[in-house]
N, C-alpha and C. Protein backbone atom coordinates (compact mmCIF):
# COMPACT_ATOMS: atom_id res chain seq x y z
N MET A 1 -12.63 4.19 -34.35
CA MET A 1 -11.28 2.78 -34.04
C MET A 1 -12.10 1.73 -33.39
N ARG A 2 -11.98 0.72 -34.26
CA ARG A 2 -12.44 -0.77 -33.93
C ARG A 2 -11.69 -1.53 -33.19
N LEU A 3 -11.64 -1.75 -32.22
CA LEU A 3 -10.78 -2.83 -31.17
C LEU A 3 -10.80 -3.89 -31.44
N LYS A 4 -9.93 -5.00 -31.52
CA LYS A 4 -10.13 -6.39 -31.80
C LYS A 4 -10.69 -7.13 -30.61
N PHE A 5 -11.35 -8.02 -30.88
CA PHE A 5 -11.77 -9.01 -29.48
C PHE A 5 -10.65 -9.56 -28.52
N PRO A 6 -9.66 -10.19 -29.46
CA PRO A 6 -8.33 -11.01 -28.43
C PRO A 6 -7.77 -9.52 -27.91
N PHE A 7 -7.61 -8.36 -28.36
CA PHE A 7 -6.84 -7.44 -27.95
C PHE A 7 -7.35 -6.78 -26.67
N ILE A 8 -8.55 -6.88 -26.81
CA ILE A 8 -9.88 -6.31 -25.47
C ILE A 8 -9.32 -7.71 -24.59
N VAL A 9 -9.55 -8.62 -24.45
CA VAL A 9 -9.60 -9.67 -23.85
C VAL A 9 -8.26 -9.66 -22.84
N ALA A 10 -7.37 -9.67 -24.05
CA ALA A 10 -5.85 -9.55 -23.42
C ALA A 10 -5.34 -8.21 -22.60
N LEU A 11 -6.10 -7.09 -23.05
CA LEU A 11 -5.38 -6.16 -22.03
C LEU A 11 -6.49 -6.26 -20.95
N LEU A 12 -7.78 -6.67 -20.82
CA LEU A 12 -8.45 -6.85 -19.55
C LEU A 12 -7.64 -7.82 -18.22
N ALA A 13 -7.27 -8.78 -19.25
CA ALA A 13 -6.60 -9.77 -18.35
C ALA A 13 -5.28 -9.30 -17.68
N ALA A 14 -4.56 -8.62 -18.48
CA ALA A 14 -3.47 -8.30 -18.17
C ALA A 14 -3.72 -6.90 -17.15
N ILE A 15 -4.61 -6.24 -17.18
CA ILE A 15 -5.09 -4.96 -16.28
C ILE A 15 -5.59 -6.05 -14.80
N SER A 16 -6.47 -6.97 -14.85
CA SER A 16 -6.87 -7.59 -14.02
C SER A 16 -6.10 -8.78 -12.78
N VAL A 17 -4.94 -8.92 -13.61
CA VAL A 17 -3.98 -10.13 -12.89
C VAL A 17 -2.95 -9.35 -12.10
N PRO A 18 -2.36 -9.55 -11.36
CA PRO A 18 -0.86 -9.39 -11.07
C PRO A 18 0.43 -9.87 -12.01
N ALA A 19 1.25 -9.03 -12.16
CA ALA A 19 2.30 -9.15 -13.00
C ALA A 19 2.81 -10.14 -13.40
N PHE A 20 2.83 -11.20 -12.13
CA PHE A 20 3.47 -12.70 -12.07
C PHE A 20 2.48 -13.65 -12.56
N ALA A 21 1.34 -13.15 -12.95
CA ALA A 21 0.34 -14.03 -13.08
C ALA A 21 0.19 -14.51 -14.53
N LEU A 22 -0.34 -15.92 -15.08
CA LEU A 22 -0.53 -15.74 -16.58
C LEU A 22 -1.63 -14.57 -17.30
N ASN A 23 -0.84 -14.96 -18.58
CA ASN A 23 -1.97 -13.96 -19.42
C ASN A 23 -3.11 -15.01 -20.21
N LEU A 24 -3.86 -14.29 -21.22
CA LEU A 24 -4.74 -15.38 -22.00
C LEU A 24 -4.21 -16.56 -22.72
N ASN A 25 -2.98 -15.76 -23.45
CA ASN A 25 -2.20 -16.59 -24.29
C ASN A 25 -1.35 -17.58 -23.36
N GLU A 26 -1.13 -17.50 -22.64
CA GLU A 26 -0.37 -18.33 -21.85
C GLU A 26 -1.11 -19.77 -21.00
N ALA A 27 -2.68 -18.95 -20.77
CA ALA A 27 -3.62 -19.84 -20.34
C ALA A 27 -4.11 -20.73 -21.70
N MET A 28 -4.01 -20.20 -22.49
CA MET A 28 -4.68 -21.07 -23.97
C MET A 28 -3.55 -22.11 -24.05
N SER A 29 -2.31 -22.06 -24.17
CA SER A 29 -1.23 -22.76 -24.34
C SER A 29 -1.23 -23.66 -23.31
N ALA A 30 -1.18 -23.58 -21.74
CA ALA A 30 -1.22 -24.15 -21.05
C ALA A 30 -2.66 -25.33 -20.84
N LEU A 31 -3.85 -24.81 -21.42
CA LEU A 31 -5.00 -25.64 -21.41
C LEU A 31 -5.13 -27.02 -21.67
N GLY A 32 -4.35 -27.52 -22.62
CA GLY A 32 -4.09 -28.81 -23.32
C GLY A 32 -3.65 -29.71 -22.31
N GLY A 33 -2.47 -29.30 -21.64
CA GLY A 33 -1.80 -29.95 -20.54
C GLY A 33 -2.58 -30.08 -19.32
N ALA A 34 -3.38 -28.86 -19.08
CA ALA A 34 -4.50 -28.82 -18.03
C ALA A 34 -5.51 -30.04 -18.01
N LYS A 35 -5.81 -30.16 -19.04
CA LYS A 35 -7.26 -30.75 -19.18
C LYS A 35 -6.26 -32.35 -19.28
N GLU A 36 -5.37 -32.47 -19.82
CA GLU A 36 -4.78 -33.98 -20.11
C GLU A 36 -4.21 -34.48 -18.76
N SER A 37 -4.23 -33.50 -17.61
CA SER A 37 -3.33 -33.51 -16.25
C SER A 37 -5.00 -33.80 -15.53
N GLY A 38 -5.78 -34.00 -15.61
CA GLY A 38 -6.80 -33.68 -15.04
C GLY A 38 -7.08 -32.28 -14.05
N GLN A 39 -6.63 -31.29 -14.49
CA GLN A 39 -6.80 -30.32 -13.47
C GLN A 39 -7.94 -29.28 -13.98
N VAL A 40 -8.04 -29.35 -15.08
CA VAL A 40 -9.58 -28.53 -15.53
C VAL A 40 -9.78 -29.48 -16.75
N GLY A 41 -11.64 -29.24 -16.49
CA GLY A 41 -12.66 -30.14 -17.09
C GLY A 41 -13.37 -29.20 -17.75
N GLU A 42 -14.38 -29.76 -18.67
CA GLU A 42 -15.18 -29.16 -19.56
C GLU A 42 -16.66 -29.47 -19.01
N GLN A 43 -17.33 -28.23 -18.87
CA GLN A 43 -18.77 -27.97 -17.93
C GLN A 43 -19.78 -28.07 -19.30
N PRO A 44 -21.18 -28.66 -18.83
CA PRO A 44 -22.27 -28.45 -19.68
C PRO A 44 -22.80 -26.98 -19.93
N ASN A 45 -22.04 -25.95 -19.22
CA ASN A 45 -22.74 -24.86 -19.09
C ASN A 45 -21.48 -24.06 -20.30
N GLY A 46 -20.89 -24.70 -20.68
CA GLY A 46 -19.61 -23.97 -21.62
C GLY A 46 -18.56 -23.33 -21.08
N TYR A 47 -18.16 -23.69 -19.93
CA TYR A 47 -17.15 -22.92 -19.29
C TYR A 47 -16.34 -24.24 -18.63
N LEU A 48 -14.99 -24.11 -18.46
CA LEU A 48 -13.92 -24.79 -17.77
C LEU A 48 -14.37 -24.84 -16.11
N GLY A 49 -14.07 -25.86 -15.64
CA GLY A 49 -14.30 -25.82 -13.97
C GLY A 49 -12.90 -26.87 -13.50
N VAL A 50 -12.71 -26.31 -12.39
CA VAL A 50 -11.26 -27.03 -11.87
C VAL A 50 -12.29 -28.24 -11.13
N VAL A 51 -11.16 -29.11 -12.03
CA VAL A 51 -11.24 -30.72 -11.48
C VAL A 51 -10.49 -30.93 -9.99
N GLN A 52 -9.19 -30.64 -10.33
CA GLN A 52 -8.15 -30.51 -9.10
C GLN A 52 -7.44 -28.87 -8.78
N ALA A 53 -7.90 -28.69 -7.55
CA ALA A 53 -7.62 -27.34 -6.98
C ALA A 53 -6.36 -26.93 -6.88
N SER A 54 -5.89 -25.84 -7.64
CA SER A 54 -4.73 -25.60 -7.63
C SER A 54 -4.84 -23.92 -8.24
N PRO A 55 -3.76 -22.96 -7.35
CA PRO A 55 -3.78 -21.98 -7.90
C PRO A 55 -3.89 -21.79 -9.73
N ARG A 56 -3.11 -22.23 -10.12
CA ARG A 56 -2.60 -22.50 -11.55
C ARG A 56 -4.03 -22.90 -12.41
N ALA A 57 -4.32 -24.09 -12.00
CA ALA A 57 -5.86 -24.29 -12.48
C ALA A 57 -6.93 -23.26 -12.40
N GLN A 58 -6.81 -22.91 -11.52
CA GLN A 58 -7.96 -21.59 -11.05
C GLN A 58 -7.73 -20.73 -12.02
N GLU A 59 -6.56 -20.45 -12.34
CA GLU A 59 -6.23 -19.00 -12.95
C GLU A 59 -6.27 -19.33 -14.76
N ILE A 60 -5.98 -20.63 -15.11
CA ILE A 60 -6.57 -21.05 -16.67
C ILE A 60 -7.98 -20.99 -16.76
N ALA A 61 -8.37 -21.78 -15.82
CA ALA A 61 -10.14 -21.80 -15.62
C ALA A 61 -10.73 -20.14 -15.91
N GLU A 62 -10.24 -19.06 -14.98
CA GLU A 62 -10.71 -18.17 -15.13
C GLU A 62 -10.67 -17.20 -16.31
N LEU A 63 -9.18 -17.32 -16.55
CA LEU A 63 -8.93 -16.40 -17.79
C LEU A 63 -9.61 -17.04 -19.08
N ILE A 64 -9.53 -18.05 -19.33
CA ILE A 64 -10.12 -18.71 -20.47
C ILE A 64 -11.77 -18.74 -20.31
N ASN A 65 -12.06 -18.63 -19.18
CA ASN A 65 -14.01 -18.76 -19.21
C ASN A 65 -14.29 -16.99 -19.58
N GLY A 66 -13.13 -16.20 -18.81
CA GLY A 66 -13.66 -14.75 -18.95
C GLY A 66 -13.59 -14.72 -20.69
N ALA A 67 -12.81 -15.21 -21.36
CA ALA A 67 -12.90 -15.06 -23.14
C ALA A 67 -13.93 -15.57 -23.44
N ARG A 68 -14.41 -16.83 -22.97
CA ARG A 68 -15.32 -17.60 -23.74
C ARG A 68 -16.89 -16.55 -23.26
N ARG A 69 -17.03 -16.52 -22.13
CA ARG A 69 -18.14 -15.44 -21.95
C ARG A 69 -18.28 -14.51 -22.55
N ALA A 70 -17.11 -13.47 -23.01
CA ALA A 70 -17.26 -12.46 -24.10
C ALA A 70 -17.93 -12.97 -25.25
N GLU A 71 -17.05 -13.81 -25.71
CA GLU A 71 -17.58 -14.12 -26.96
C GLU A 71 -18.72 -14.66 -27.14
N TYR A 72 -19.20 -15.35 -26.24
CA TYR A 72 -20.60 -16.20 -26.17
C TYR A 72 -21.49 -14.77 -25.99
N GLN A 73 -21.14 -13.80 -25.34
CA GLN A 73 -22.13 -12.91 -25.24
C GLN A 73 -22.14 -12.12 -26.55
N LYS A 74 -21.15 -11.75 -27.43
CA LYS A 74 -21.12 -11.57 -28.80
C LYS A 74 -21.90 -11.92 -29.33
N VAL A 75 -22.26 -13.22 -29.74
CA VAL A 75 -22.91 -14.42 -30.68
C VAL A 75 -24.29 -14.15 -30.30
N ALA A 76 -24.54 -14.44 -28.85
CA ALA A 76 -25.90 -14.30 -28.33
C ALA A 76 -26.56 -12.78 -28.86
N GLN A 77 -25.85 -11.53 -28.94
CA GLN A 77 -26.01 -10.30 -29.33
C GLN A 77 -26.31 -10.16 -30.92
N GLN A 78 -25.23 -10.98 -31.63
CA GLN A 78 -25.32 -10.80 -33.24
C GLN A 78 -26.57 -11.66 -33.60
N ASN A 79 -26.95 -12.79 -32.76
CA ASN A 79 -28.06 -13.74 -33.18
C ASN A 79 -29.36 -13.36 -32.65
N GLY A 80 -29.39 -12.55 -31.85
CA GLY A 80 -30.72 -11.82 -31.10
C GLY A 80 -31.16 -13.30 -30.23
N ILE A 81 -30.23 -13.94 -29.48
CA ILE A 81 -30.81 -15.28 -28.43
C ILE A 81 -30.26 -14.91 -27.37
N GLN A 82 -30.76 -15.46 -26.56
CA GLN A 82 -29.78 -15.26 -24.70
C GLN A 82 -28.55 -16.47 -24.54
N LEU A 83 -28.29 -15.39 -24.06
CA LEU A 83 -26.51 -15.68 -23.24
C LEU A 83 -26.64 -17.64 -22.94
N GLY A 84 -27.90 -17.45 -22.31
CA GLY A 84 -27.92 -19.07 -21.72
C GLY A 84 -28.00 -20.10 -22.88
N ASP A 85 -28.38 -19.83 -23.95
CA ASP A 85 -28.68 -20.62 -24.97
C ASP A 85 -27.59 -20.93 -25.59
N VAL A 86 -26.46 -19.60 -25.52
CA VAL A 86 -25.24 -19.82 -26.47
C VAL A 86 -24.18 -20.82 -25.18
N GLU A 87 -24.66 -20.54 -24.27
CA GLU A 87 -23.33 -21.29 -23.15
C GLU A 87 -23.98 -22.84 -23.28
N ALA A 88 -25.19 -23.11 -23.32
CA ALA A 88 -25.68 -24.73 -23.32
C ALA A 88 -25.26 -25.32 -24.79
N ILE A 89 -25.43 -24.43 -25.84
CA ILE A 89 -24.85 -25.02 -27.23
C ILE A 89 -23.39 -25.39 -27.14
N ALA A 90 -22.47 -24.54 -26.78
CA ALA A 90 -21.03 -24.21 -26.59
C ALA A 90 -20.64 -25.43 -25.59
N GLY A 91 -21.54 -25.37 -24.40
CA GLY A 91 -21.15 -26.68 -23.51
C GLY A 91 -21.27 -27.92 -23.97
N GLN A 92 -22.22 -28.50 -24.64
CA GLN A 92 -22.93 -29.42 -25.51
C GLN A 92 -21.70 -30.05 -26.59
N LYS A 93 -21.32 -28.92 -26.95
CA LYS A 93 -20.23 -29.02 -28.00
C LYS A 93 -19.17 -29.69 -27.56
N ALA A 94 -18.52 -28.86 -26.36
CA ALA A 94 -17.52 -28.92 -25.75
C ALA A 94 -17.25 -30.49 -25.19
N LEU A 95 -18.38 -30.86 -24.77
CA LEU A 95 -18.53 -32.16 -24.03
C LEU A 95 -18.25 -33.49 -25.14
N ASP A 96 -19.06 -32.96 -26.07
CA ASP A 96 -18.98 -33.79 -27.13
C ASP A 96 -17.42 -33.96 -27.70
N ARG A 97 -17.02 -32.85 -27.96
CA ARG A 97 -15.39 -32.95 -28.56
C ARG A 97 -14.27 -33.19 -27.37
N THR A 98 -14.56 -33.38 -26.12
CA THR A 98 -13.83 -33.57 -25.49
C THR A 98 -13.41 -34.95 -25.68
N PRO A 99 -11.67 -35.64 -25.51
CA PRO A 99 -11.21 -36.83 -26.04
C PRO A 99 -11.30 -37.68 -24.49
N SER A 100 -11.56 -38.69 -24.94
CA SER A 100 -11.22 -40.08 -23.93
C SER A 100 -10.27 -39.58 -22.80
N GLY A 101 -10.55 -39.96 -21.50
CA GLY A 101 -9.52 -39.68 -20.72
C GLY A 101 -9.52 -38.54 -19.99
N GLN A 102 -10.27 -37.35 -20.73
CA GLN A 102 -10.45 -36.31 -20.08
C GLN A 102 -11.56 -36.06 -19.02
N TYR A 103 -11.42 -35.11 -18.33
CA TYR A 103 -12.81 -34.73 -17.40
C TYR A 103 -14.01 -33.95 -18.02
N ILE A 104 -15.40 -34.41 -18.16
CA ILE A 104 -16.30 -33.40 -18.26
C ILE A 104 -17.18 -33.59 -16.76
N GLN A 105 -18.13 -32.44 -16.86
CA GLN A 105 -18.92 -32.37 -15.47
C GLN A 105 -20.27 -32.83 -15.90
N LEU A 106 -20.91 -34.27 -15.57
CA LEU A 106 -22.25 -34.73 -15.87
C LEU A 106 -23.04 -34.70 -14.36
N ASN A 107 -24.06 -34.33 -14.72
CA ASN A 107 -24.79 -34.19 -13.34
C ASN A 107 -24.19 -34.07 -12.11
N GLY A 108 -23.42 -32.52 -12.16
CA GLY A 108 -22.65 -31.90 -11.38
C GLY A 108 -21.65 -32.56 -10.31
N LYS A 109 -21.00 -33.89 -11.25
CA LYS A 109 -19.95 -34.73 -10.88
C LYS A 109 -18.88 -34.64 -12.16
N TRP A 110 -17.70 -34.54 -11.68
CA TRP A 110 -16.29 -34.62 -12.25
C TRP A 110 -16.26 -36.54 -13.05
N VAL A 111 -16.28 -36.85 -14.22
CA VAL A 111 -16.45 -38.03 -14.61
C VAL A 111 -15.02 -38.20 -15.99
N LYS A 112 -14.46 -39.12 -15.81
CA LYS A 112 -13.23 -39.41 -17.01
C LYS A 112 -14.43 -39.63 -18.07
N LYS A 113 -14.10 -39.14 -19.40
CA LYS A 113 -15.03 -39.53 -20.57
C LYS A 113 -14.02 -40.54 -21.14
């Protein structure tokens, strides 16, 4: 029996966080608003970073970064390349796709694009 990736991520997220916390689907739904309000932004390493510290922003970033990491690992294994290479490619794409007015990290500093 082969389990689907989203199921595994959701299961791990459900097990690893308290009952009152966000699940991955809720975090993904909240991501757009969190980016627009400047709570989280894209980093060149392919992961979200917290721009304005809050428990909710941290939780959104952690859940989504966990799912991204799993997907990056899968892509790296399927293509016989290093995880760091996948992260760098994904990070550059995320920075490029970030709309004006949202935060990205450049040279270790948060800037509005």
